[in-house]
Protein backbone atom coordinates (compact mmCIF):
# COMPACT_ATOMS: atom_id res chain seq x y z
CA MET A 1 -0.25 0.27 0.03
CA LYS A 2 1.22 3.66 -1.40
CA ASN A 3 0.77 7.00 0.12
CA PHE A 4 -1.72 8.04 -1.35
CA SER A 5 -3.22 4.35 -1.26
CA GLY A 6 -3.03 5.13 2.40
CA ILE A 7 -4.11 8.77 2.57
CA SER A 8 -7.54 7.29 1.00
CA ILE A 9 -8.40 4.51 2.71
CA ILE A 10 -7.74 6.62 6.47
CA LEU A 11 -10.22 9.56 4.76
CA LEU A 12 -12.97 7.17 4.01
CA ILE A 13 -12.42 5.95 7.70
CA ILE A 14 -12.88 9.80 9.38
CA GLY A 15 -15.39 10.67 6.87
CA LEU A 16 -17.34 7.46 7.83
CA VAL A 17 -17.37 7.85 11.35
CA LEU A 18 -18.49 11.66 11.54
CA PHE A 19 -21.58 9.82 9.51
CA GLY A 20 -22.48 7.88 11.37
CA ILE A 21 -22.18 10.44 14.51
CA ILE A 22 -24.18 12.19 12.76
CA TYR A 23 -27.18 9.07 12.71
CA ALA A 24 -25.85 8.50 16.16
CA ILE A 25 -26.86 11.77 17.53
CA PRO A 26 -30.33 12.97 17.31
CA GLY A 27 -30.11 16.60 15.40
CA PHE A 28 -29.04 17.42 12.17
CA ASN A 29 -25.46 19.07 12.92
CA GLU A 30 -24.46 20.67 9.43
CA LEU A 31 -20.63 21.30 10.36
CA ILE A 32 -20.02 17.28 11.06
CA ALA A 33 -21.76 16.09 8.19
CA LEU A 34 -19.56 19.14 5.98
CA VAL A 35 -16.66 17.70 6.68
CA GLY A 36 -17.92 14.53 7.04
CA PHE A 37 -18.34 14.72 3.06
CA LEU A 38 -15.09 17.02 2.76
CA PHE A 39 -13.53 13.90 3.99
CA LEU A 40 -14.63 11.34 2.00
CA LEU A 41 -14.53 13.48 -1.26
CA PHE A 42 -10.45 13.91 -0.36
CA GLY A 43 -10.25 10.76 -0.02
CA ALA A 44 -11.87 9.88 -3.28
CA ILE A 45 -9.32 12.40 -4.91
CA CYS A 46 -6.52 10.45 -3.40
CA SER A 47 -7.23 7.24 -4.71
CA PHE A 48 -8.18 8.68 -8.54
CA ILE A 49 -4.89 10.47 -7.93
CA ALA A 50 -3.24 6.49 -6.48
CA ILE A 51 -5.35 5.08 -10.01
CA SER A 52 -3.62 7.77 -12.36
CA LYS A 53 0.84 6.92 -10.46
CA ARG A 54 -0.28 3.33 -10.83
CA GLU A 55 0.32 1.89 -7.12
CA ILE A 56 -0.02 -1.73 -6.53
CA GLY A 57 -2.59 -2.96 -4.86
CA TYR A 58 -6.49 -2.59 -5.15
CA THR A 59 -6.76 -0.10 -2.10
CA LYS A 60 -6.97 2.35 -4.40
CA PHE A 61 -10.40 1.36 -5.91
CA LEU A 62 -11.75 0.96 -2.44
CA ALA A 63 -11.95 3.72 -1.70
CA VAL A 64 -13.63 4.82 -4.67
CA GLY A 65 -16.27 2.55 -4.39
CA SER A 66 -16.83 3.53 -1.22
CA PHE A 67 -17.45 6.68 -2.22
CA PHE A 68 -20.51 6.59 -4.84
CA ILE A 69 -22.07 3.51 -2.90
CA ILE A 70 -22.00 6.00 0.68
CA PHE A 71 -23.80 8.38 -1.17
CA LEU A 72 -25.66 6.29 -3.25
CA LEU A 73 -27.90 4.83 -0.08
CA ILE A 74 -27.53 7.99 1.26
CA THR A 75 -29.35 9.60 -1.90
CA TRP A 76 -31.99 6.17 -1.58
CA PHE A 77 -32.89 6.84 2.33
CA GLU A 78 -32.27 10.40 3.15
CA PRO A 79 -32.54 12.21 -0.20
CA TYR A 80 -33.31 15.51 1.73
CA PHE A 81 -29.79 15.45 3.45
CA ILE A 82 -27.86 16.37 0.62
CA LEU A 83 -30.35 19.02 -0.19
CA ARG A 84 -29.81 20.56 3.72
CA MET A 85 -26.09 20.26 3.30
CA LEU A 86 -25.76 21.84 0.45
CA THR A 87 -28.02 24.37 1.35
CA TRP A 88 -26.37 25.14 4.67
CA ILE A 89 -23.22 25.56 2.70
CA LYS A 90 -24.76 28.46 0.63
CA ASN A 91 -26.18 30.52 3.86
């Protein structure tokens, strides 16, 4: 596991923990949602960098696949979650 692959997995885990905190705490905390989204996004970007640098191993695909699967599940079960977060970012 090279640099960007490891960084992408670490950022993915941090983002998942932050999204888990949102569901564990009653109510909606926009700041935690934004930070979790950014960690997942940066993890996917690091994974794309690892793919472009042709790093050895399959962990580079794990962060990209998880990024899309997580946001598919979020939009499937909580369709207004992304809308609330984007509205908060705009304001």
